[in-house]
Amino acid sequence: MVFTARFHLKRGYCCGNNCRHCPYGDEAALTAREEAERDDLRSQNG
């Protein structure tokens, strides 16, 4: 499945999965991925 840039803009944020048509750029993807990893660590550590 391929999401368009229009879909991403409508969603309003970068999901961090390095989507092919991401209008937010590579830096946004890295930031989103780092935030998701940080949240996972917090939930695991209680």
PDB file of N, CA and C in Angstrom:
ATOM      1  N   MET A   1       0.845  -1.166   0.000  1.00  0.00           N
ATOM      2  CA  MET A   1       0.000   0.000   0.000  1.00  0.00           C
ATOM      3  C   MET A   1       0.896   1.236   0.000  1.00  0.00           C
ATOM      4  N   VAL A   2       0.541   2.213  -0.798  1.00  0.00           N
ATOM      5  CA  VAL A   2       1.303   3.453  -0.886  1.00  0.00           C
ATOM      6  C   VAL A   2       0.378   4.614  -0.558  1.00  0.00           C
ATOM      7  N   PHE A   3       0.769   5.402   0.441  1.00  0.00           N
ATOM      8  CA  PHE A   3       0.001   6.594   0.782  1.00  0.00           C
ATOM      9  C   PHE A   3       0.559   7.779   0.014  1.00  0.00           C
ATOM     10  N   THR A   4      -0.313   8.661  -0.434  1.00  0.00           N
ATOM     11  CA  THR A   4       0.105   9.834  -1.186  1.00  0.00           C
ATOM     12  C   THR A   4       0.514  10.954  -0.233  1.00  0.00           C
ATOM     13  N   ALA A   5       1.202  11.945  -0.777  1.00  0.00           N
ATOM     14  CA  ALA A   5       1.580  13.110   0.015  1.00  0.00           C
ATOM     15  C   ALA A   5       0.331  13.807   0.536  1.00  0.00           C
ATOM     16  N   ARG A   6      -0.712  13.798  -0.242  1.00  0.00           N
ATOM     17  CA  ARG A   6      -1.977  14.422   0.169  1.00  0.00           C
ATOM     18  C   ARG A   6      -2.535  13.730   1.423  1.00  0.00           C
ATOM     19  N   PHE A   7      -2.473  12.411   1.458  1.00  0.00           N
ATOM     20  CA  PHE A   7      -2.935  11.661   2.628  1.00  0.00           C
ATOM     21  C   PHE A   7      -2.134  12.058   3.863  1.00  0.00           C
ATOM     22  N   HIS A   8      -0.804  12.120   3.718  1.00  0.00           N
ATOM     23  CA  HIS A   8       0.052  12.469   4.852  1.00  0.00           C
ATOM     24  C   HIS A   8      -0.255  13.869   5.368  1.00  0.00           C
ATOM     25  N   LEU A   9      -0.447  14.811   4.461  1.00  0.00           N
ATOM     26  CA  LEU A   9      -0.763  16.174   4.876  1.00  0.00           C
ATOM     27  C   LEU A   9      -2.104  16.233   5.593  1.00  0.00           C
ATOM     28  N   LYS A  10      -3.076  15.457   5.107  1.00  0.00           N
ATOM     29  CA  LYS A  10      -4.389  15.434   5.748  1.00  0.00           C
ATOM     30  C   LYS A  10      -4.288  14.836   7.151  1.00  0.00           C
ATOM     31  N   ARG A  11      -3.443  13.822   7.322  1.00  0.00           N
ATOM     32  CA  ARG A  11      -3.245  13.210   8.636  1.00  0.00           C
ATOM     33  C   ARG A  11      -2.620  14.219   9.590  1.00  0.00           C
ATOM     34  N   GLY A  12      -1.685  15.017   9.104  1.00  0.00           N
ATOM     35  CA  GLY A  12      -1.168  16.121   9.881  1.00  0.00           C
ATOM     36  C   GLY A  12       0.122  15.890  10.642  1.00  0.00           C
ATOM     37  N   TYR A  13       0.730  14.705  10.515  1.00  0.00           N
ATOM     38  CA  TYR A  13       1.995  14.455  11.206  1.00  0.00           C
ATOM     39  C   TYR A  13       2.765  13.345  10.501  1.00  0.00           C
ATOM     40  N   CYS A  14       4.033  13.255  10.815  1.00  0.00           N
ATOM     41  CA  CYS A  14       4.875  12.206  10.253  1.00  0.00           C
ATOM     42  C   CYS A  14       4.820  10.984  11.158  1.00  0.00           C
ATOM     43  N   CYS A  15       4.622   9.815  10.577  1.00  0.00           N
ATOM     44  CA  CYS A  15       4.522   8.585  11.357  1.00  0.00           C
ATOM     45  C   CYS A  15       5.891   7.971  11.647  1.00  0.00           C
ATOM     46  N   GLY A  16       6.934   8.417  10.955  1.00  0.00           N
ATOM     47  CA  GLY A  16       8.279   7.925  11.213  1.00  0.00           C
ATOM     48  C   GLY A  16       8.661   6.669  10.465  1.00  0.00           C
ATOM     49  N   ASN A  17       7.877   6.261   9.491  1.00  0.00           N
ATOM     50  CA  ASN A  17       8.151   5.025   8.758  1.00  0.00           C
ATOM     51  C   ASN A  17       8.869   5.244   7.433  1.00  0.00           C
ATOM     52  N   ASN A  18       9.387   6.446   7.206  1.00  0.00           N
ATOM     53  CA  ASN A  18      10.075   6.780   5.950  1.00  0.00           C
ATOM     54  C   ASN A  18       9.219   6.457   4.730  1.00  0.00           C
ATOM     55  N   CYS A  19       7.988   6.893   4.754  1.00  0.00           N
ATOM     56  CA  CYS A  19       7.069   6.659   3.646  1.00  0.00           C
ATOM     57  C   CYS A  19       7.589   7.310   2.368  1.00  0.00           C
ATOM     58  N   ARG A  20       7.351   6.659   1.264  1.00  0.00           N
ATOM     59  CA  ARG A  20       7.871   7.109  -0.020  1.00  0.00           C
ATOM     60  C   ARG A  20       7.420   8.514  -0.382  1.00  0.00           C
ATOM     61  N   HIS A  21       6.182   8.868  -0.110  1.00  0.00           N
ATOM     62  CA  HIS A  21       5.651  10.176  -0.499  1.00  0.00           C
ATOM     63  C   HIS A  21       5.509  11.142   0.670  1.00  0.00           C
ATOM     64  N   CYS A  22       6.276  10.946   1.717  1.00  0.00           N
ATOM     65  CA  CYS A  22       6.168  11.787   2.904  1.00  0.00           C
ATOM     66  C   CYS A  22       6.565  13.225   2.587  1.00  0.00           C
ATOM     67  N   PRO A  23       5.666  14.191   2.833  1.00  0.00           N
ATOM     68  CA  PRO A  23       5.986  15.592   2.572  1.00  0.00           C
ATOM     69  C   PRO A  23       6.759  16.239   3.719  1.00  0.00           C
ATOM     70  N   TYR A  24       6.976  15.508   4.812  1.00  0.00           N
ATOM     71  CA  TYR A  24       7.611  16.090   5.987  1.00  0.00           C
ATOM     72  C   TYR A  24       9.132  15.967   5.973  1.00  0.00           C
ATOM     73  N   GLY A  25       9.676  15.121   5.139  1.00  0.00           N
ATOM     74  CA  GLY A  25      11.122  15.011   5.009  1.00  0.00           C
ATOM     75  C   GLY A  25      11.739  13.981   5.939  1.00  0.00           C
ATOM     76  N   ASP A  26      13.011  13.678   5.676  1.00  0.00           N
ATOM     77  CA  ASP A  26      13.731  12.653   6.437  1.00  0.00           C
ATOM     78  C   ASP A  26      13.910  13.030   7.898  1.00  0.00           C
ATOM     79  N   GLU A  27      14.145  14.301   8.170  1.00  0.00           N
ATOM     80  CA  GLU A  27      14.360  14.732   9.548  1.00  0.00           C
ATOM     81  C   GLU A  27      13.118  14.505  10.398  1.00  0.00           C
ATOM     82  N   ALA A  28      11.944  14.752   9.842  1.00  0.00           N
ATOM     83  CA  ALA A  28      10.691  14.527  10.571  1.00  0.00           C
ATOM     84  C   ALA A  28      10.506  13.041  10.856  1.00  0.00           C
ATOM     85  N   ALA A  29      10.883  12.195   9.912  1.00  0.00           N
ATOM     86  CA  ALA A  29      10.748  10.753  10.107  1.00  0.00           C
ATOM     87  C   ALA A  29      11.652  10.284  11.233  1.00  0.00           C
ATOM     88  N   LEU A  30      12.870  10.790  11.291  1.00  0.00           N
ATOM     89  CA  LEU A  30      13.781  10.404  12.362  1.00  0.00           C
ATOM     90  C   LEU A  30      13.245  10.868  13.713  1.00  0.00           C
ATOM     91  N   THR A  31      12.744  12.084  13.766  1.00  0.00           N
ATOM     92  CA  THR A  31      12.200  12.615  15.012  1.00  0.00           C
ATOM     93  C   THR A  31      11.004  11.791  15.473  1.00  0.00           C
ATOM     94  N   ALA A  32      10.099  11.465  14.564  1.00  0.00           N
ATOM     95  CA  ALA A  32       8.917  10.679  14.908  1.00  0.00           C
ATOM     96  C   ALA A  32       9.309   9.292  15.397  1.00  0.00           C
ATOM     97  N   ARG A  33      10.286   8.689  14.737  1.00  0.00           N
ATOM     98  CA  ARG A  33      10.741   7.354  15.145  1.00  0.00           C
ATOM     99  C   ARG A  33      11.391   7.408  16.526  1.00  0.00           C
ATOM    100  N   GLU A  34      12.204   8.423  16.789  1.00  0.00           N
ATOM    101  CA  GLU A  34      12.841   8.563  18.095  1.00  0.00           C
ATOM    102  C   GLU A  34      11.795   8.734  19.194  1.00  0.00           C
ATOM    103  N   GLU A  35      10.763   9.529  18.935  1.00  0.00           N
ATOM    104  CA  GLU A  35       9.701   9.726  19.916  1.00  0.00           C
ATOM    105  C   GLU A  35       8.961   8.424  20.197  1.00  0.00           C
ATOM    106  N   ALA A  36       8.697   7.650  19.154  1.00  0.00           N
ATOM    107  CA  ALA A  36       8.000   6.373  19.331  1.00  0.00           C
ATOM    108  C   ALA A  36       8.847   5.409  20.153  1.00  0.00           C
ATOM    109  N   GLU A  37      10.145   5.364  19.878  1.00  0.00           N
ATOM    110  CA  GLU A  37      11.039   4.484  20.643  1.00  0.00           C
ATOM    111  C   GLU A  37      11.096   4.917  22.102  1.00  0.00           C
ATOM    112  N   ARG A  38      11.147   6.222  22.345  1.00  0.00           N
ATOM    113  CA  ARG A  38      11.183   6.747  23.711  1.00  0.00           C
ATOM    114  C   ARG A  38       9.901   6.373  24.462  1.00  0.00           C
ATOM    115  N   ASP A  39       8.754   6.493  23.771  1.00  0.00           N
ATOM    116  CA  ASP A  39       7.479   6.122  24.395  1.00  0.00           C
ATOM    117  C   ASP A  39       7.429   4.641  24.716  1.00  0.00           C
ATOM    118  N   ASP A  40       7.981   3.804  23.825  1.00  0.00           N
ATOM    119  CA  ASP A  40       8.013   2.362  24.081  1.00  0.00           C
ATOM    120  C   ASP A  40       8.856   2.048  25.309  1.00  0.00           C
ATOM    121  N   LEU A  41       9.992   2.705  25.423  1.00  0.00           N
ATOM    122  CA  LEU A  41      10.859   2.473  26.591  1.00  0.00           C
ATOM    123  C   LEU A  41      10.167   2.891  27.883  1.00  0.00           C
ATOM    124  N   ARG A  42       9.470   4.010  27.842  1.00  0.00           N
ATOM    125  CA  ARG A  42       8.751   4.481  29.027  1.00  0.00           C
ATOM    126  C   ARG A  42       7.672   3.494  29.445  1.00  0.00           C
ATOM    127  N   SER A  43       6.955   2.954  28.468  1.00  0.00           N
ATOM    128  CA  SER A  43       5.874   2.014  28.802  1.00  0.00           C
ATOM    129  C   SER A  43       6.432   0.693  29.329  1.00  0.00           C
ATOM    130  N   GLN A  44       7.604   0.283  28.870  1.00  0.00           N
ATOM    131  CA  GLN A  44       8.214  -0.948  29.341  1.00  0.00           C
ATOM    132  C   GLN A  44       8.790  -0.799  30.746  1.00  0.00           C
ATOM    133  N   ASN A  45       9.287   0.399  31.035  1.00  0.00           N
ATOM    134  CA  ASN A  45       9.910   0.623  32.339  1.00  0.00           C
ATOM    135  C   ASN A  45       8.932   1.076  33.410  1.00  0.00           C
ATOM    136  N   GLY A  46       7.699   1.203  33.033  1.00  0.00           N
ATOM    137  CA  GLY A  46       6.676   1.459  34.036  1.00  0.00           C
ATOM    138  C   GLY A  46       6.389   2.868  34.266  1.00  0.00           C
TER     139      GLY A  46
END
